[in-house]
């Protein structure tokens, strides 16, 4: 997945959802998957691809109450900025 941050984010999200089903919200692997997905998603520079993956990521992060709340806040802010084209040009977390 080197350099393919869209695919990497999608894999992390799938891993997070799968682990969430079997391990629960307090499992370290579930939190790690959420953090990994967020990191990869913030590296996506293609606006359309980031917009497409963003809602799924935000949904996953909302399901992980033990994850750092700043992770969810960052994802929500970036998604909102991407939805507002003039703001998305200057947003690169």
N, C-alpha and C. Protein backbone atom coordinates (compact mmCIF):
# COMPACT_ATOMS: atom_id res chain seq x y z
N UNK A 1 0.81 -1.20 0.00
CA UNK A 1 0.00 0.00 0.00
C UNK A 1 0.86 1.26 0.00
N UNK A 2 2.15 1.10 -0.10
CA UNK A 2 3.05 2.24 -0.04
C UNK A 2 2.60 3.34 -1.00
N UNK A 3 2.26 4.48 -0.44
CA UNK A 3 1.86 5.63 -1.24
C UNK A 3 0.41 5.64 -1.67
N UNK A 4 -0.30 4.53 -1.54
CA UNK A 4 -1.71 4.47 -1.91
C UNK A 4 -2.54 4.66 -0.64
N UNK A 5 -2.66 5.90 -0.23
CA UNK A 5 -3.31 6.19 1.04
C UNK A 5 -4.82 5.94 1.02
N UNK A 6 -5.43 6.03 -0.14
CA UNK A 6 -6.87 5.73 -0.23
C UNK A 6 -7.10 4.26 0.10
N UNK A 7 -6.37 3.38 -0.56
CA UNK A 7 -6.53 1.94 -0.30
C UNK A 7 -6.13 1.59 1.12
N UNK A 8 -5.07 2.21 1.61
CA UNK A 8 -4.63 1.93 2.97
C UNK A 8 -5.70 2.36 3.99
N UNK A 9 -6.29 3.51 3.79
CA UNK A 9 -7.35 3.98 4.69
C UNK A 9 -8.53 3.03 4.65
N UNK A 10 -8.90 2.59 3.45
CA UNK A 10 -10.02 1.66 3.32
C UNK A 10 -9.73 0.34 4.02
N UNK A 11 -8.52 -0.17 3.88
CA UNK A 11 -8.16 -1.41 4.57
C UNK A 11 -8.20 -1.24 6.09
N UNK A 12 -7.68 -0.13 6.58
CA UNK A 12 -7.73 0.13 8.02
C UNK A 12 -9.17 0.21 8.50
N UNK A 13 -10.04 0.86 7.73
CA UNK A 13 -11.44 0.98 8.13
C UNK A 13 -12.11 -0.39 8.15
N UNK A 14 -11.84 -1.21 7.14
CA UNK A 14 -12.41 -2.56 7.12
C UNK A 14 -11.91 -3.37 8.30
N UNK A 15 -10.63 -3.26 8.59
CA UNK A 15 -10.06 -3.97 9.74
C UNK A 15 -10.70 -3.49 11.03
N UNK A 16 -10.89 -2.20 11.15
CA UNK A 16 -11.51 -1.64 12.35
C UNK A 16 -12.93 -2.13 12.54
N UNK A 17 -13.70 -2.14 11.47
CA UNK A 17 -15.10 -2.62 11.56
C UNK A 17 -15.13 -4.11 11.91
N UNK A 18 -14.28 -4.89 11.26
CA UNK A 18 -14.25 -6.33 11.53
C UNK A 18 -13.83 -6.60 12.98
N UNK A 19 -12.79 -5.93 13.42
CA UNK A 19 -12.33 -6.13 14.80
C UNK A 19 -13.35 -5.63 15.81
N UNK A 20 -14.05 -4.56 15.46
CA UNK A 20 -15.07 -4.02 16.35
C UNK A 20 -16.17 -5.06 16.60
N UNK A 21 -16.52 -5.81 15.58
CA UNK A 21 -17.54 -6.85 15.73
C UNK A 21 -17.10 -7.94 16.69
N UNK A 22 -15.83 -8.29 16.64
CA UNK A 22 -15.34 -9.42 17.42
C UNK A 22 -14.68 -9.04 18.73
N UNK A 23 -14.12 -7.85 18.82
CA UNK A 23 -13.33 -7.50 19.99
C UNK A 23 -13.95 -6.41 20.86
N UNK A 24 -14.80 -5.60 20.32
CA UNK A 24 -15.39 -4.53 21.10
C UNK A 24 -14.60 -3.24 21.04
N UNK A 25 -15.21 -2.18 21.55
CA UNK A 25 -14.64 -0.84 21.43
C UNK A 25 -13.41 -0.61 22.28
N UNK A 26 -13.20 -1.44 23.29
CA UNK A 26 -12.07 -1.20 24.18
C UNK A 26 -10.80 -1.93 23.77
N UNK A 27 -10.84 -2.70 22.69
CA UNK A 27 -9.65 -3.45 22.24
C UNK A 27 -8.62 -2.51 21.61
N UNK A 28 -7.38 -2.69 21.98
CA UNK A 28 -6.30 -1.86 21.44
C UNK A 28 -6.22 -1.96 19.93
N UNK A 29 -6.44 -3.15 19.37
CA UNK A 29 -6.36 -3.33 17.91
C UNK A 29 -7.44 -2.54 17.18
N UNK A 30 -8.59 -2.40 17.81
CA UNK A 30 -9.68 -1.63 17.21
C UNK A 30 -9.30 -0.15 17.20
N UNK A 31 -8.79 0.33 18.32
CA UNK A 31 -8.36 1.73 18.39
C UNK A 31 -7.22 2.00 17.42
N UNK A 32 -6.29 1.06 17.32
CA UNK A 32 -5.17 1.21 16.38
C UNK A 32 -5.65 1.29 14.94
N UNK A 33 -6.65 0.48 14.61
CA UNK A 33 -7.20 0.51 13.25
C UNK A 33 -7.85 1.86 12.96
N UNK A 34 -8.56 2.41 13.93
CA UNK A 34 -9.17 3.73 13.75
C UNK A 34 -8.12 4.80 13.56
N UNK A 35 -7.07 4.75 14.36
CA UNK A 35 -5.99 5.74 14.24
C UNK A 35 -5.24 5.57 12.92
N UNK A 36 -5.02 4.33 12.50
CA UNK A 36 -4.35 4.08 11.22
C UNK A 36 -5.17 4.58 10.04
N UNK A 37 -6.47 4.34 10.10
CA UNK A 37 -7.36 4.82 9.04
C UNK A 37 -7.33 6.34 8.96
N UNK A 38 -7.39 6.98 10.11
CA UNK A 38 -7.36 8.44 10.13
C UNK A 38 -6.06 8.97 9.55
N UNK A 39 -4.94 8.41 9.97
CA UNK A 39 -3.66 8.87 9.45
C UNK A 39 -3.62 8.76 7.93
N UNK A 40 -3.97 7.60 7.42
CA UNK A 40 -3.92 7.39 5.96
C UNK A 40 -4.86 8.35 5.25
N UNK A 41 -6.06 8.53 5.80
CA UNK A 41 -7.04 9.41 5.18
C UNK A 41 -6.55 10.86 5.13
N UNK A 42 -5.84 11.29 6.18
CA UNK A 42 -5.34 12.67 6.16
C UNK A 42 -4.23 12.87 5.15
N UNK A 43 -3.66 11.78 4.65
CA UNK A 43 -2.62 11.87 3.63
C UNK A 43 -3.18 11.90 2.21
N UNK A 44 -4.47 11.61 2.06
CA UNK A 44 -5.12 11.59 0.75
C UNK A 44 -5.25 13.03 0.26
N UNK A 45 -4.67 13.32 -0.87
CA UNK A 45 -4.72 14.68 -1.43
C UNK A 45 -5.78 14.85 -2.51
N UNK A 46 -6.29 13.75 -3.02
CA UNK A 46 -7.36 13.81 -4.01
C UNK A 46 -8.67 14.12 -3.28
N UNK A 47 -9.23 15.28 -3.53
CA UNK A 47 -10.43 15.75 -2.81
C UNK A 47 -11.59 14.78 -2.95
N UNK A 48 -11.86 14.31 -4.17
CA UNK A 48 -13.00 13.41 -4.39
C UNK A 48 -12.82 12.10 -3.63
N UNK A 49 -11.63 11.56 -3.63
CA UNK A 49 -11.37 10.30 -2.92
C UNK A 49 -11.50 10.50 -1.42
N UNK A 50 -11.00 11.61 -0.91
CA UNK A 50 -11.11 11.88 0.52
C UNK A 50 -12.57 12.09 0.92
N UNK A 51 -13.32 12.78 0.08
CA UNK A 51 -14.75 12.98 0.34
C UNK A 51 -15.50 11.66 0.35
N UNK A 52 -15.14 10.76 -0.53
CA UNK A 52 -15.81 9.47 -0.61
C UNK A 52 -15.56 8.63 0.63
N UNK A 53 -14.33 8.62 1.12
CA UNK A 53 -13.97 7.79 2.27
C UNK A 53 -14.29 8.45 3.61
N UNK A 54 -14.40 9.76 3.63
CA UNK A 54 -14.56 10.49 4.88
C UNK A 54 -15.75 10.08 5.75
N UNK A 55 -16.94 9.97 5.19
CA UNK A 55 -18.08 9.61 6.04
C UNK A 55 -17.93 8.24 6.71
N UNK A 56 -17.37 7.28 6.01
CA UNK A 56 -17.16 5.96 6.62
C UNK A 56 -16.16 6.07 7.77
N UNK A 57 -15.12 6.84 7.57
CA UNK A 57 -14.12 7.03 8.62
C UNK A 57 -14.74 7.70 9.85
N UNK A 58 -15.49 8.75 9.63
CA UNK A 58 -16.13 9.45 10.75
C UNK A 58 -17.07 8.49 11.49
N UNK A 59 -17.80 7.67 10.75
CA UNK A 59 -18.68 6.68 11.38
C UNK A 59 -17.90 5.71 12.26
N UNK A 60 -16.77 5.23 11.75
CA UNK A 60 -15.94 4.32 12.53
C UNK A 60 -15.42 5.01 13.79
N UNK A 61 -14.92 6.22 13.64
CA UNK A 61 -14.36 6.93 14.79
C UNK A 61 -15.44 7.23 15.84
N UNK A 62 -16.65 7.50 15.40
CA UNK A 62 -17.75 7.72 16.35
C UNK A 62 -18.08 6.46 17.13
N UNK A 63 -17.81 5.31 16.55
CA UNK A 63 -18.08 4.03 17.21
C UNK A 63 -17.00 3.67 18.22
N UNK A 64 -15.95 4.46 18.29
CA UNK A 64 -14.81 4.16 19.17
C UNK A 64 -14.68 5.23 20.26
N UNK A 65 -15.50 5.16 21.27
CA UNK A 65 -15.49 6.22 22.30
C UNK A 65 -14.20 6.30 23.10
N UNK A 66 -13.41 5.25 23.11
CA UNK A 66 -12.17 5.29 23.89
C UNK A 66 -10.99 5.85 23.10
N UNK A 67 -11.18 6.09 21.82
CA UNK A 67 -10.13 6.69 21.00
C UNK A 67 -10.02 8.17 21.36
N UNK A 68 -8.85 8.73 21.21
CA UNK A 68 -8.64 10.15 21.49
C UNK A 68 -9.71 10.97 20.78
N UNK A 69 -10.49 11.77 21.50
CA UNK A 69 -11.57 12.55 20.87
C UNK A 69 -11.07 13.53 19.82
N UNK A 70 -9.80 13.89 19.88
CA UNK A 70 -9.24 14.78 18.86
C UNK A 70 -9.21 14.10 17.49
N UNK A 71 -9.12 12.79 17.46
CA UNK A 71 -9.13 12.07 16.19
C UNK A 71 -10.46 12.31 15.47
N UNK A 72 -11.55 12.15 16.18
CA UNK A 72 -12.87 12.37 15.58
C UNK A 72 -13.01 13.83 15.18
N UNK A 73 -12.60 14.72 16.02
CA UNK A 73 -12.70 16.16 15.73
C UNK A 73 -11.92 16.51 14.46
N UNK A 74 -10.72 15.99 14.34
CA UNK A 74 -9.90 16.23 13.15
C UNK A 74 -10.60 15.72 11.89
N UNK A 75 -11.13 14.52 11.96
CA UNK A 75 -11.81 13.94 10.80
C UNK A 75 -13.04 14.76 10.42
N UNK A 76 -13.82 15.16 11.40
CA UNK A 76 -15.02 15.95 11.12
C UNK A 76 -14.66 17.30 10.51
N UNK A 77 -13.64 17.94 11.05
CA UNK A 77 -13.22 19.24 10.52
C UNK A 77 -12.72 19.13 9.08
N UNK A 78 -11.91 18.10 8.83
CA UNK A 78 -11.38 17.94 7.47
C UNK A 78 -12.50 17.61 6.49
N UNK A 79 -13.42 16.74 6.90
CA UNK A 79 -14.53 16.39 6.02
C UNK A 79 -15.38 17.62 5.70
N UNK A 80 -15.65 18.43 6.70
CA UNK A 80 -16.42 19.65 6.48
C UNK A 80 -15.68 20.58 5.53
N UNK A 81 -14.38 20.72 5.71
CA UNK A 81 -13.59 21.58 4.82
C UNK A 81 -13.59 21.04 3.40
N UNK A 82 -13.53 19.73 3.25
CA UNK A 82 -13.56 19.14 1.90
C UNK A 82 -14.90 19.36 1.22
N UNK A 83 -15.94 19.42 2.01
CA UNK A 83 -17.29 19.66 1.46
C UNK A 83 -17.48 21.12 1.05
N UNK A 84 -16.60 21.98 1.52
CA UNK A 84 -16.64 23.40 1.19
C UNK A 84 -15.40 23.69 0.34
N UNK A 85 -15.52 23.62 -0.99
CA UNK A 85 -14.35 23.66 -1.87
C UNK A 85 -13.36 24.78 -1.62
N UNK A 86 -13.81 25.98 -1.33
CA UNK A 86 -12.86 27.07 -1.14
C UNK A 86 -12.03 26.88 0.12
N UNK A 87 -12.54 26.18 1.12
CA UNK A 87 -11.79 25.91 2.35
C UNK A 87 -10.84 24.74 2.19
N UNK A 88 -11.18 23.77 1.34
CA UNK A 88 -10.38 22.54 1.25
C UNK A 88 -9.00 22.79 0.66
N UNK A 89 -8.83 23.83 -0.12
CA UNK A 89 -7.52 24.12 -0.71
C UNK A 89 -6.46 24.39 0.33
N UNK A 90 -6.88 24.98 1.45
CA UNK A 90 -5.89 25.35 2.46
C UNK A 90 -5.81 24.34 3.61
N UNK A 91 -6.58 23.26 3.54
CA UNK A 91 -6.60 22.30 4.64
C UNK A 91 -5.78 21.06 4.31
N UNK A 92 -4.64 20.96 4.97
CA UNK A 92 -3.79 19.77 4.85
C UNK A 92 -3.27 19.44 6.23
N UNK A 93 -4.07 18.66 7.05
CA UNK A 93 -3.65 18.34 8.41
C UNK A 93 -2.41 17.50 8.46
